């Protein structure tokens, strides 16, 4: 016996088809329908028929879509899975090193099972948290996952529900916490049947994806319940240690209790229930510290947020790229301010946006913010998906790594970054022909605004775009990849062995720089990070007790009381 339930306040009749029999569902309070079906259980395939209209469509809360986003749903008994991580507790975010990866390109096989074979490598590298790009069901045989539609169902191509549970369990066995990227600001266009059931979207707000997700209009209480239940499911039933919320600036919600505050409150309640610590990270474009302030202080209670200003400041200084939104950055002063104050635009005029942007970060530790030189967005949303190592030489790529791993923020790496992976990370999709054509054309128009030649943009629908984005693990031992991997290992070990590098106090972080001579010195307690981006040898007076802990170039040296740093090199000093 299995009880089927669905929220469908907009329909007149609804039936659940199990095998070849349609069972009329009974309406209950609040727009919910339900039906107990004898003989149905975990493993049973089913679908809903709305207002006697064929074809039958998937369950909005389907836990398994083995036949794709248009196919039958399958019932799952989460309690049946055998876990071995009862004693597991995730390490604190303050001391974390995150590693963002995409299951489909992380290995040649592109599955949860295949990814397990590299967990020991990640642990030995010094990673503490693995962050998965979205793994809920989306259309086609490959994609980034941000056009997902069945939010409760792990993608079958990756390995489905059991494969995901085994992966999370294996991560915990290796001492790795696991975070999941979830998308609640929109759903993909193919396989999105939510509107047939209820007011999941509202005309009150228009977004780049069409009508906004309904977080404040009539019926929004159940829509919010849908997303909160989804978040809690990943933490409770799949044992994830936290979530990354995609593009929270696209949440259209003017409610007295914002959706994010509700979500963070419910996650804290789940912590009390399970005895586990969970991390919730927001991606925001608003430069607003309110996201990571406690609700008691008028905030939304997120644990941390992505901080793009550091990335933009760093990359523009290293590459000279000023296209698109990079036009607001490009100076050493920007980079220095991002290291000291988190947000460069903290209530000042932003030329690219043509408005005042942001708000100062006050009274918050830097570990409320993630710092990175690369991530899926900033690599994958370039025209050709170039990594930083494709845009700058080894010296400058090493500088990016050094600043990311010695900055006061929580550092995050993007898959393959640590060995300067040769494969790009390009935008790829596998939509039906007509939709795929629209996506490809839209991609070209979008990048034309950056001044890039539309003909240079890989076709997202071409399978080769996906295949060339897969990591090449065999190159790790070859030059120059082995040299870069060794550099990352040493930087991570240095961060872990010096408490001042983990200390997130912005008050204790100091930065010196010269715009004219193109150098910067980051002070983290007794640690100094000396960066020379100028065209001449940098000579800097230091204490006689100072020693070089790590240098990116063998030409870095101490001569009496002077440190000598060649062009495009970095030296990390300590007493």
Protein backbone atom coordinates (compact mmCIF):
# COMPACT_ATOMS: atom_id res chain seq x y z
CA UNK A 1 0.00 0.00 0.00
CA UNK A 2 1.36 3.42 -0.93
CA UNK A 3 -0.27 6.82 -0.38
CA UNK A 4 0.12 9.29 -3.23
CA UNK A 5 -0.25 13.01 -2.44
CA UNK A 6 -0.03 16.11 -4.59
CA UNK A 7 -0.79 19.79 -4.12
CA UNK A 8 -2.99 20.82 -7.04
CA UNK A 9 -5.39 23.62 -6.06
CA UNK A 10 -6.02 24.67 -9.66
CA UNK A 11 -7.35 21.37 -11.01
CA UNK A 12 -10.88 19.98 -11.08
CA UNK A 13 -9.94 16.31 -11.09
CA UNK A 14 -6.73 14.39 -10.76
CA UNK A 15 -5.92 10.71 -11.04
CA UNK A 16 -2.82 8.66 -10.37
CA UNK A 17 -1.94 6.05 -12.98
CA UNK A 18 -0.25 2.97 -11.53
CA UNK A 19 0.61 0.37 -14.13
CA UNK A 20 -2.39 0.59 -16.48
CA UNK A 21 -4.99 1.61 -13.94
CA UNK A 22 -6.04 5.20 -13.16
CA UNK A 23 -7.12 5.77 -9.57
CA UNK A 24 -9.21 8.86 -8.91
CA UNK A 25 -7.64 10.94 -6.15
CA UNK A 26 -9.64 12.46 -3.31
CA UNK A 27 -9.52 16.16 -2.58
CA UNK A 28 -8.58 17.18 0.94
CA UNK A 29 -8.02 20.57 2.58
CA UNK A 30 -5.67 23.24 1.30
CA UNK A 31 -5.71 22.13 -2.32
CA UNK A 32 -4.14 18.73 -1.60
CA UNK A 33 -5.22 15.47 -3.25
CA UNK A 34 -4.41 11.99 -2.05
CA UNK A 35 -5.03 8.30 -2.75
CA UNK A 36 -3.89 5.06 -1.19
CA UNK A 37 -3.25 2.37 -3.80
CA UNK A 38 -3.01 -1.27 -2.83
CA UNK A 39 0.00 -3.08 -4.31
CA UNK A 40 1.96 0.14 -4.88
CA UNK A 41 5.19 0.55 -2.93
CA UNK A 42 8.78 1.70 -3.27
CA UNK A 43 9.84 0.99 -6.83
CA UNK A 44 6.36 1.51 -8.28
CA UNK A 45 6.16 3.71 -11.38
CA UNK A 46 3.31 6.21 -11.57
CA UNK A 47 2.16 9.51 -13.07
CA UNK A 48 -0.68 11.97 -12.66
CA UNK A 49 -3.53 12.72 -15.05
CA UNK A 50 -4.75 16.29 -14.58
CA UNK A 51 -8.35 17.14 -15.54
CA UNK A 52 -8.61 13.97 -17.61
CA UNK A 53 -5.93 15.31 -19.95
CA UNK A 54 -3.37 12.99 -21.49
CA UNK A 55 -0.49 12.40 -21.42
CA UNK A 56 0.09 11.63 -17.78
CA UNK A 57 2.75 13.86 -16.20
CA UNK A 58 5.35 13.40 -13.46
CA UNK A 59 4.84 14.10 -9.77
CA UNK A 60 6.08 17.62 -8.82
CA UNK A 61 7.77 15.97 -5.81
CA UNK A 62 8.97 12.90 -7.69
CA UNK A 63 11.86 11.29 -5.82
CA UNK A 64 13.06 9.40 -8.89
CA UNK A 65 12.73 10.00 -12.63
CA UNK A 66 14.35 6.91 -14.16
CA UNK A 67 12.82 7.60 -17.60
CA UNK A 68 13.74 11.28 -17.87
CA UNK A 69 11.92 14.51 -17.08
CA UNK A 70 8.88 13.62 -19.22
CA UNK A 71 8.62 10.02 -18.05
CA UNK A 72 6.98 8.17 -15.20
CA UNK A 73 7.88 8.92 -11.60
CA UNK A 74 9.04 6.14 -9.29
CA UNK A 75 8.33 5.85 -5.57
CA UNK A 76 11.33 5.71 -3.21
CA UNK A 77 11.64 4.57 0.40
CA UNK A 78 14.47 6.71 1.77
CA UNK A 79 14.49 4.78 5.04
CA UNK A 80 15.55 1.60 3.23
CA UNK A 81 19.06 2.85 2.43
CA UNK A 82 21.86 1.56 4.68
CA UNK A 83 24.17 4.37 5.81
CA UNK A 84 27.51 3.96 7.60
CA UNK A 85 28.08 7.62 8.57
CA UNK A 86 26.15 7.78 11.85
CA UNK A 87 29.13 9.31 13.68
CA UNK A 88 29.95 11.80 10.93
CA UNK A 89 30.06 15.50 11.73
CA UNK A 90 31.12 18.09 9.14
CA UNK A 91 34.13 20.29 9.92
CA UNK A 92 33.42 23.97 10.59
CA UNK A 93 33.12 26.33 7.66
CA UNK A 94 35.66 28.69 9.23
CA UNK A 95 38.52 26.31 8.44
CA UNK A 96 37.07 24.89 5.24
CA UNK A 97 38.57 24.52 1.79
CA UNK A 98 35.79 23.99 -0.74
CA UNK A 99 36.08 22.21 -4.07
CA UNK A 100 33.34 22.81 -6.62
CA UNK A 101 32.79 20.00 -9.11
CA UNK A 102 30.41 18.96 -11.87
CA UNK A 103 29.65 15.24 -11.75
CA UNK A 104 29.22 14.95 -15.53
CA UNK A 105 32.70 16.27 -16.38
CA UNK A 106 34.66 15.42 -13.23
CA UNK A 107 35.40 11.95 -14.63
CA UNK A 108 35.21 10.41 -18.13
CA UNK A 109 32.27 8.28 -16.98
CA UNK A 110 30.38 11.22 -15.49
CA UNK A 111 28.72 9.31 -12.65
CA UNK A 112 28.51 9.38 -8.86
CA UNK A 113 30.26 6.02 -8.73
CA UNK A 114 33.16 7.15 -10.90
CA UNK A 115 33.60 10.32 -8.84
CA UNK A 116 34.17 8.19 -5.73
CA UNK A 117 37.48 7.00 -7.16
CA UNK A 118 38.93 10.51 -6.73
CA UNK A 119 37.80 11.20 -3.18
CA UNK A 120 41.08 10.05 -1.65
CA UNK A 121 42.88 12.48 -3.98
CA UNK A 122 40.68 15.37 -2.79
CA UNK A 123 41.27 14.46 0.84
CA UNK A 124 45.04 14.29 0.31
CA UNK A 125 44.95 17.64 -1.50
CA UNK A 126 43.53 19.16 1.67
CA UNK A 127 39.93 19.72 0.61
CA UNK A 128 37.39 19.66 3.43
CA UNK A 129 34.11 20.26 1.57
CA UNK A 130 33.01 19.03 -1.85
CA UNK A 131 30.38 21.26 -3.49
CA UNK A 132 28.34 19.57 -6.23
CA UNK A 133 26.78 21.57 -9.03
CA UNK A 134 23.05 20.72 -9.29
CA UNK A 135 22.26 17.01 -9.51
CA UNK A 136 18.45 17.03 -9.64
CA UNK A 137 16.83 15.81 -12.85
CA UNK A 138 17.19 17.96 -15.97
CA UNK A 139 16.51 17.26 -19.66
CA UNK A 140 18.90 15.38 -21.93
CA UNK A 141 22.03 13.30 -21.46
CA UNK A 142 24.29 16.10 -20.22
CA UNK A 143 24.07 19.67 -18.94
CA UNK A 144 25.14 22.00 -16.16
CA UNK A 145 22.01 21.22 -14.12
CA UNK A 146 20.72 24.76 -13.72
CA UNK A 147 17.74 24.02 -15.97
CA UNK A 148 16.47 21.32 -13.64
CA UNK A 149 12.77 20.59 -13.28
CA UNK A 150 12.31 17.62 -10.94
CA UNK A 151 13.88 19.14 -7.86
CA UNK A 152 13.44 16.09 -5.60
CA UNK A 153 14.84 13.51 -8.05
CA UNK A 154 18.62 12.92 -8.49
CA UNK A 155 19.63 12.85 -12.16
CA UNK A 156 19.39 9.29 -13.50
CA UNK A 157 22.38 9.61 -15.85
CA UNK A 158 24.61 10.31 -12.83
CA UNK A 159 23.30 7.29 -10.92
CA UNK A 160 19.92 8.23 -9.47
CA UNK A 161 18.98 8.24 -5.78
CA UNK A 162 21.06 5.24 -4.69
CA UNK A 163 24.12 6.43 -6.57
CA UNK A 164 23.93 9.82 -4.89
CA UNK A 165 23.49 8.35 -1.43
CA UNK A 166 26.47 6.06 -1.97
CA UNK A 167 28.55 9.04 -3.11
CA UNK A 168 27.69 11.15 -0.05
CA UNK A 169 28.37 8.19 2.23
CA UNK A 170 31.74 7.62 0.54
CA UNK A 171 32.64 11.29 0.97
CA UNK A 172 31.96 11.00 4.68
CA UNK A 173 34.03 7.82 4.84
CA UNK A 174 36.91 9.87 3.39
CA UNK A 175 36.39 12.70 5.87
CA UNK A 176 34.86 15.04 3.30
CA UNK A 177 31.74 17.12 3.85
CA UNK A 178 29.36 17.51 0.88
CA UNK A 179 27.39 20.58 -0.17
CA UNK A 180 24.77 20.68 -2.92
CA UNK A 181 23.99 23.55 -5.28
CA UNK A 182 20.20 23.99 -5.46
CA UNK A 183 18.25 26.25 -7.82
CA UNK A 184 15.11 27.83 -6.40
CA UNK A 185 14.98 31.02 -8.47
CA UNK A 186 13.66 29.37 -11.66
CA UNK A 187 13.05 26.02 -13.34
CA UNK A 188 14.12 24.83 -16.76
CA UNK A 189 11.77 25.21 -19.75
CA UNK A 190 11.65 21.51 -20.71
CA UNK A 191 9.78 19.13 -18.40
CA UNK A 192 8.49 21.88 -16.13
CA UNK A 193 4.93 20.79 -15.34
CA UNK A 194 4.47 22.68 -12.06
CA UNK A 195 2.12 25.26 -13.56
CA UNK A 196 -0.38 22.53 -14.37
CA UNK A 197 -0.81 21.79 -10.68
CA UNK A 198 -0.83 25.13 -8.92
CA UNK A 199 0.40 28.74 -8.68
CA UNK A 200 4.09 27.95 -8.51
CA UNK A 201 4.83 31.06 -10.60
CA UNK A 202 3.51 34.60 -10.52
CA UNK A 203 3.00 37.39 -13.07
CA UNK A 204 3.86 39.93 -10.36
CA UNK A 205 7.53 39.75 -11.31
CA UNK A 206 9.27 39.10 -14.58
CA UNK A 207 12.70 37.47 -14.62
CA UNK A 208 15.16 36.41 -17.33
CA UNK A 209 13.42 33.02 -17.16
CA UNK A 210 9.85 34.36 -17.41
CA UNK A 211 7.35 34.58 -14.54
CA UNK A 212 9.02 34.57 -11.15
CA UNK A 213 8.75 31.71 -8.68
CA UNK A 214 5.80 32.57 -6.45
CA UNK A 215 7.24 33.41 -3.03
CA UNK A 216 4.75 36.15 -2.05
CA UNK A 217 1.54 35.94 -4.12
CA UNK A 218 -1.61 33.86 -3.46
CA UNK A 219 -0.72 30.24 -2.74
CA UNK A 220 2.90 31.11 -1.96
CA UNK A 221 2.72 29.41 1.44
CA UNK A 222 2.63 26.02 -0.28
CA UNK A 223 5.21 27.04 -2.90
CA UNK A 224 7.59 28.05 -0.11
CA UNK A 225 6.77 24.75 1.60
CA UNK A 226 7.72 22.94 -1.62
CA UNK A 227 11.19 24.52 -1.71
CA UNK A 228 11.81 24.26 2.03
CA UNK A 229 10.83 20.59 1.98
CA UNK A 230 13.21 20.09 -0.92
CA UNK A 231 16.10 21.65 1.00
CA UNK A 232 15.35 19.60 4.10
CA UNK A 233 15.13 16.42 2.02
CA UNK A 234 18.69 16.81 0.72
CA UNK A 235 19.98 17.32 4.26
CA UNK A 236 17.88 14.65 5.98
CA UNK A 237 17.44 11.88 3.39
CA UNK A 238 20.68 12.29 1.41
CA UNK A 239 22.87 13.35 4.36
CA UNK A 240 24.23 16.44 2.64
CA UNK A 241 26.12 18.74 5.00
CA UNK A 242 24.82 21.92 3.45
CA UNK A 243 23.42 23.74 0.47
CA UNK A 244 24.51 26.48 -1.91
CA UNK A 245 21.51 28.56 -3.03
CA UNK A 246 21.85 29.70 -6.63
CA UNK A 247 21.30 33.39 -7.47
CA UNK A 248 19.29 34.43 -4.42
CA UNK A 249 19.14 37.98 -5.82
CA UNK A 250 16.55 36.55 -8.23
CA UNK A 251 14.22 35.58 -5.36
CA UNK A 252 11.29 37.99 -5.69
CA UNK A 253 9.96 38.15 -2.15
CA UNK A 254 8.65 41.17 -0.23
CA UNK A 255 7.16 39.08 2.58
CA UNK A 256 7.67 40.15 6.19
CA UNK A 257 9.54 36.88 6.70
CA UNK A 258 11.74 36.47 3.64
CA UNK A 259 11.95 33.00 2.11
CA UNK A 260 15.64 32.76 3.02
CA UNK A 261 14.93 33.56 6.65
CA UNK A 262 12.26 30.88 6.69
CA UNK A 263 14.63 28.38 5.09
CA UNK A 264 17.50 29.10 7.46
CA UNK A 265 15.17 28.83 10.46
CA UNK A 266 13.91 25.44 9.29
CA UNK A 267 17.46 24.21 8.68
CA UNK A 268 18.37 25.17 12.26
CA UNK A 269 15.34 23.22 13.48
CA UNK A 270 16.57 20.19 11.53
CA UNK A 271 19.97 20.58 13.19
CA UNK A 272 18.29 20.28 16.57
CA UNK A 273 16.43 17.19 15.38
CA UNK A 274 19.39 15.34 13.86
CA UNK A 275 22.29 16.63 15.96
CA UNK A 276 24.17 17.53 12.77
CA UNK A 277 25.64 20.88 11.71
CA UNK A 278 24.51 22.21 8.32
CA UNK A 279 25.86 25.02 6.19
CA UNK A 280 23.73 27.22 3.93
CA UNK A 281 25.58 29.42 1.44
CA UNK A 282 23.94 32.04 -0.74
CA UNK A 283 25.07 33.24 -4.16
CA UNK A 284 24.16 36.89 -4.36
CA UNK A 285 24.91 39.74 -6.77
CA UNK A 286 23.68 42.41 -4.39
CA UNK A 287 26.75 42.99 -2.16
CA UNK A 288 24.40 42.94 0.81
CA UNK A 289 25.74 41.59 4.15
CA UNK A 290 22.15 41.16 5.35
CA UNK A 291 22.16 37.67 3.80
CA UNK A 292 24.69 36.42 6.34
CA UNK A 293 23.52 38.32 9.39
CA UNK A 294 21.48 36.49 12.01
CA UNK A 295 17.69 36.97 11.91
CA UNK A 296 17.97 38.56 15.35
CA UNK A 297 20.11 41.27 13.73
CA UNK A 298 17.71 41.77 10.83
CA UNK A 299 19.43 39.30 8.54
CA UNK A 300 18.42 36.17 6.70
CA UNK A 301 20.62 33.75 8.64
CA UNK A 302 22.73 32.33 5.81
CA UNK A 303 26.11 30.96 6.94
CA UNK A 304 28.09 32.50 4.08
CA UNK A 305 27.81 34.00 0.62
CA UNK A 306 29.85 34.01 -2.58
CA UNK A 307 31.87 37.22 -2.99
CA UNK A 308 32.35 38.09 -6.65
CA UNK A 309 34.13 41.40 -6.03
CA UNK A 310 37.31 39.62 -4.94
CA UNK A 311 37.17 37.41 -8.03
CA UNK A 312 36.52 40.31 -10.40
CA UNK A 313 39.25 42.45 -8.83
CA UNK A 314 41.79 39.65 -8.99
CA UNK A 315 41.04 38.43 -12.49
CA UNK A 316 40.95 41.88 -14.08
CA UNK A 317 44.30 42.79 -12.56
CA UNK A 318 45.83 39.53 -13.76
CA UNK A 319 44.31 39.40 -17.25
CA UNK A 320 43.59 43.01 -18.18
CA UNK A 321 40.08 41.97 -19.25
CA UNK A 322 37.62 44.87 -18.92
CA UNK A 323 34.69 43.46 -20.91
CA UNK A 324 31.12 43.49 -19.61
CA UNK A 325 30.83 43.78 -15.83
CA UNK A 326 34.63 43.57 -15.53
CA UNK A 327 34.67 47.23 -16.62
CA UNK A 328 33.94 48.20 -12.99
CA UNK A 329 37.23 46.63 -11.86
CA UNK A 330 40.88 46.50 -12.88
CA UNK A 331 42.98 48.39 -10.33
CA UNK A 332 45.30 47.21 -7.57
CA UNK A 333 43.24 49.46 -5.30
CA UNK A 334 40.12 47.38 -6.09
CA UNK A 335 41.98 44.20 -5.21
CA UNK A 336 43.30 45.68 -1.98
CA UNK A 337 39.83 46.87 -0.96
CA UNK A 338 38.27 43.47 -1.68
CA UNK A 339 40.84 41.78 0.57
CA UNK A 340 40.30 44.26 3.39
CA UNK A 341 36.61 45.13 3.07
CA UNK A 342 35.08 42.19 1.09
CA UNK A 343 32.95 44.36 -1.19
CA UNK A 344 34.56 46.86 -3.53
CA UNK A 345 31.14 48.30 -4.28
CA UNK A 346 29.83 48.85 -0.78
CA UNK A 347 27.46 51.75 -1.26
CA UNK A 348 29.35 53.58 -3.99
CA UNK A 349 28.57 54.30 -7.63
CA UNK A 350 29.17 51.40 -10.04
CA UNK A 351 29.65 52.68 -13.62
CA UNK A 352 28.67 49.43 -15.35
CA UNK A 353 25.44 49.25 -13.34
CA UNK A 354 24.99 53.04 -13.49
CA UNK A 355 23.76 53.19 -9.90
CA UNK A 356 24.87 53.06 -6.29
CA UNK A 357 25.61 49.44 -5.45
CA UNK A 358 26.17 47.47 -2.27
CA UNK A 359 26.57 48.15 1.40
CA UNK A 360 29.60 48.01 3.75
CA UNK A 361 30.46 44.81 5.59
CA UNK A 362 30.58 45.74 9.25
CA UNK A 363 31.03 43.51 12.27
CA UNK A 364 31.21 40.28 10.28
CA UNK A 365 34.10 37.82 10.00
CA UNK A 366 35.54 37.13 6.57
CA UNK A 367 34.60 33.46 6.80
CA UNK A 368 31.05 34.58 6.09
CA UNK A 369 32.27 35.03 2.50
CA UNK A 370 33.78 32.68 -0.07
CA UNK A 371 36.80 33.71 -2.11
CA UNK A 372 37.83 32.16 -5.43
CA UNK A 373 39.77 32.89 -8.58
CA UNK A 374 37.64 30.48 -10.62
CA UNK A 375 34.20 28.86 -10.44
CA UNK A 376 31.71 27.32 -12.86
CA UNK A 377 30.11 30.70 -13.65
CA UNK A 378 33.24 32.72 -14.21
CA UNK A 379 34.90 30.02 -16.33
CA UNK A 380 31.85 28.56 -18.06
CA UNK A 381 30.30 31.90 -18.90
CA UNK A 382 33.28 33.06 -20.89
CA UNK A 383 32.77 32.66 -24.63
CA UNK A 384 35.11 29.66 -24.90
CA UNK A 385 35.02 28.49 -21.29
CA UNK A 386 38.65 29.43 -20.70
CA UNK A 387 40.19 28.70 -17.35
CA UNK A 388 42.52 31.25 -15.76
CA UNK A 389 45.53 29.20 -16.88
CA UNK A 390 44.40 29.74 -20.48
CA UNK A 391 44.36 33.52 -20.00
CA UNK A 392 47.57 34.17 -18.05
CA UNK A 393 51.00 32.59 -17.69
CA UNK A 394 52.00 30.21 -14.91
CA UNK A 395 53.42 32.99 -12.76
CA UNK A 396 50.17 34.91 -12.64
CA UNK A 397 48.10 31.75 -12.17
CA UNK A 398 50.26 30.98 -9.13
CA UNK A 399 49.62 34.48 -7.79
CA UNK A 400 45.86 33.89 -8.10
CA UNK A 401 46.17 30.65 -6.15
CA UNK A 402 48.31 32.26 -3.46
CA UNK A 403 45.93 35.15 -2.85
CA UNK A 404 42.87 32.87 -2.86
CA UNK A 405 44.41 30.54 -0.28
CA UNK A 406 45.88 33.22 1.98
CA UNK A 407 42.97 35.70 1.84
CA UNK A 408 40.72 35.98 4.91
CA UNK A 409 37.76 34.40 3.08
CA UNK A 410 36.86 30.72 2.94
CA UNK A 411 38.67 29.55 -0.22
CA UNK A 412 36.93 27.63 -2.97
CA UNK A 413 38.59 25.84 -5.89
CA UNK A 414 36.99 24.79 -9.15
CA UNK A 415 37.61 21.24 -10.45
CA UNK A 416 40.98 20.90 -12.20
CA UNK A 417 42.11 24.39 -11.23
CA UNK A 418 44.73 22.94 -8.91
CA UNK A 419 46.68 21.36 -11.75
CA UNK A 420 45.92 24.06 -14.35
CA UNK A 421 43.68 21.62 -16.21
CA UNK A 422 43.91 21.97 -19.97
CA UNK A 423 40.23 21.26 -20.61
CA UNK A 424 37.91 24.28 -20.76
CA UNK A 425 34.58 24.32 -18.98
CA UNK A 426 32.07 25.34 -21.61
CA UNK A 427 28.33 25.76 -21.51
CA UNK A 428 26.67 22.58 -22.81
CA UNK A 429 23.07 21.41 -23.13
CA UNK A 430 21.12 18.53 -24.60
CA UNK A 431 17.69 20.00 -25.28
CA UNK A 432 15.14 18.99 -27.88
CA UNK A 433 16.04 20.39 -31.31
CA UNK A 434 13.88 23.53 -31.36
CA UNK A 435 14.65 24.54 -27.77
CA UNK A 436 18.32 23.76 -28.33
CA UNK A 437 18.37 26.11 -31.31
CA UNK A 438 16.87 28.91 -29.23
CA UNK A 439 19.43 28.35 -26.47
CA UNK A 440 22.32 28.42 -28.93
CA UNK A 441 21.09 31.62 -30.58
CA UNK A 442 20.48 33.27 -27.22
CA UNK A 443 23.98 32.38 -26.12
CA UNK A 444 25.45 34.17 -29.14
CA UNK A 445 23.38 37.31 -28.51
CA UNK A 446 24.36 37.37 -24.87
CA UNK A 447 28.09 37.29 -25.58
CA UNK A 448 27.90 39.79 -28.42
CA UNK A 449 27.23 42.32 -25.63
CA UNK A 450 30.70 41.52 -24.25
CA UNK A 451 32.29 42.31 -27.60
CA UNK A 452 33.05 38.67 -28.33
CA UNK A 453 32.67 37.26 -31.83
CA UNK A 454 29.49 35.14 -31.86
CA UNK A 455 31.18 32.73 -34.29
CA UNK A 456 33.78 31.90 -31.62
CA UNK A 457 31.16 30.66 -29.17
CA UNK A 458 30.91 26.84 -29.03
CA UNK A 459 27.47 25.46 -29.80
CA UNK A 460 26.01 24.29 -26.45
CA UNK A 461 24.07 21.57 -28.29
CA UNK A 462 27.16 20.04 -29.92
CA UNK A 463 28.18 16.96 -27.93
CA UNK A 464 31.85 17.90 -28.45
CA UNK A 465 31.26 21.00 -26.31
CA UNK A 466 30.42 18.67 -23.44
CA UNK A 467 33.17 16.15 -24.18
CA UNK A 468 35.97 18.70 -24.36
CA UNK A 469 34.92 20.01 -20.93
CA UNK A 470 35.74 16.76 -19.15
CA UNK A 471 38.83 16.74 -16.94
CA UNK A 472 41.94 14.95 -18.17
CA UNK A 473 43.28 13.26 -15.04
CA UNK A 474 46.26 11.79 -16.91
CA UNK A 475 47.93 15.20 -17.32
CA UNK A 476 48.45 15.76 -13.58
CA UNK A 477 51.95 14.24 -13.61
CA UNK A 478 53.05 16.11 -16.73
CA UNK A 479 54.55 19.61 -16.95
CA UNK A 480 53.35 22.27 -16.34
CA UNK A 481 50.43 20.63 -14.53
CA UNK A 482 52.55 18.80 -11.94
CA UNK A 483 54.26 22.06 -10.97
CA UNK A 484 50.91 23.80 -10.41
CA UNK A 485 49.51 20.87 -8.42
CA UNK A 486 52.58 20.95 -6.17
CA UNK A 487 52.05 24.70 -5.66
CA UNK A 488 48.42 24.19 -4.60
CA UNK A 489 49.36 21.37 -2.22
CA UNK A 490 51.94 23.58 -0.53
CA UNK A 491 49.56 26.54 -0.29
CA UNK A 492 46.82 24.43 1.27
CA UNK A 493 49.28 22.88 3.74
CA UNK A 494 50.55 26.38 4.63
CA UNK A 495 47.02 27.64 5.25
CA UNK A 496 46.23 24.71 7.49
CA UNK A 497 49.45 25.02 9.50
CA UNK A 498 49.18 28.76 10.25
CA UNK A 499 46.16 29.79 12.36
CA UNK A 500 46.46 33.43 11.28
CA UNK A 501 45.52 32.40 7.75
CA UNK A 502 42.28 30.85 9.01
CA UNK A 503 41.49 33.78 11.28
CA UNK A 504 38.68 35.63 9.53
CA UNK A 505 39.13 38.95 11.30
CA UNK A 506 38.97 41.75 8.73
CA UNK A 507 40.26 44.17 11.38
CA UNK A 508 43.49 42.16 11.57
CA UNK A 509 43.85 42.00 7.78
CA UNK A 510 46.04 44.76 6.37
CA UNK A 511 46.99 45.54 2.77
CA UNK A 512 49.69 47.75 1.27
CA UNK A 513 49.98 48.41 -2.45
CA UNK A 514 51.34 50.62 -5.19
CA UNK A 515 49.14 51.27 -8.20
CA UNK A 516 52.02 52.74 -10.15
CA UNK A 517 54.54 49.97 -9.45
CA UNK A 518 51.92 47.20 -9.45
CA UNK A 519 52.73 45.46 -6.19
CA UNK A 520 50.61 44.40 -3.23
CA UNK A 521 51.40 43.07 0.23
CA UNK A 522 48.73 41.25 2.23
CA UNK A 523 49.37 41.04 5.99
CA UNK A 524 47.72 38.17 7.87
CA UNK A 525 49.18 38.40 11.37
CA UNK A 526 52.85 37.41 11.12
CA UNK A 527 52.35 36.24 7.53
CA UNK A 528 53.08 38.55 4.60
CA UNK A 529 52.04 37.76 1.03
CA UNK A 530 54.16 39.85 -1.34
CA UNK A 531 52.90 40.06 -4.93
CA UNK A 532 54.81 41.69 -7.79
CA UNK A 533 52.72 42.39 -10.90
CA UNK A 534 55.03 45.12 -12.11
CA UNK A 535 57.58 45.03 -14.90
CA UNK A 536 60.63 45.38 -12.63
CA UNK A 537 62.22 43.45 -9.78
CA UNK A 538 60.51 44.33 -6.49
CA UNK A 539 62.85 45.04 -3.60
CA UNK A 540 61.30 45.27 -0.15
CA UNK A 541 62.94 45.79 3.22
CA UNK A 542 62.15 43.06 5.74
CA UNK A 543 63.12 42.10 9.26
CA UNK A 544 66.28 40.05 9.70
CA UNK A 545 64.11 37.40 11.35
CA UNK A 546 61.92 37.06 8.24
CA UNK A 547 62.10 33.91 6.20
CA UNK A 548 60.47 32.81 2.96
CA UNK A 549 57.86 30.18 3.71
CA UNK A 550 56.82 29.70 0.09
CA UNK A 551 57.69 31.31 -3.24
CA UNK A 552 56.25 30.86 -6.70
CA UNK A 553 59.56 31.52 -8.46
CA UNK A 554 63.03 30.17 -7.67
CA UNK A 555 64.42 33.67 -8.28
CA UNK A 556 62.70 34.97 -5.11
CA UNK A 557 65.44 35.49 -2.55
CA UNK A 558 66.48 37.27 0.63
CA UNK A 559 69.63 39.37 0.54
CA UNK A 560 70.55 40.66 3.97
CA UNK A 561 67.43 42.62 5.00
CA UNK A 562 65.86 42.84 1.54
CA UNK A 563 63.36 40.61 -0.19
CA UNK A 564 63.74 40.41 -3.96
CA UNK A 565 60.67 39.33 -5.95
CA UNK A 566 60.82 39.10 -9.77
CA UNK A 567 58.00 40.10 -12.09
CA UNK A 568 54.79 38.01 -11.86
CA UNK A 569 55.89 36.21 -8.71
CA UNK A 570 54.65 35.93 -5.14
CA UNK A 571 56.51 35.30 -1.90
CA UNK A 572 54.90 34.29 1.39
CA UNK A 573 56.91 35.36 4.41
CA UNK A 574 56.88 34.53 8.10
CA UNK A 575 59.07 35.03 11.14
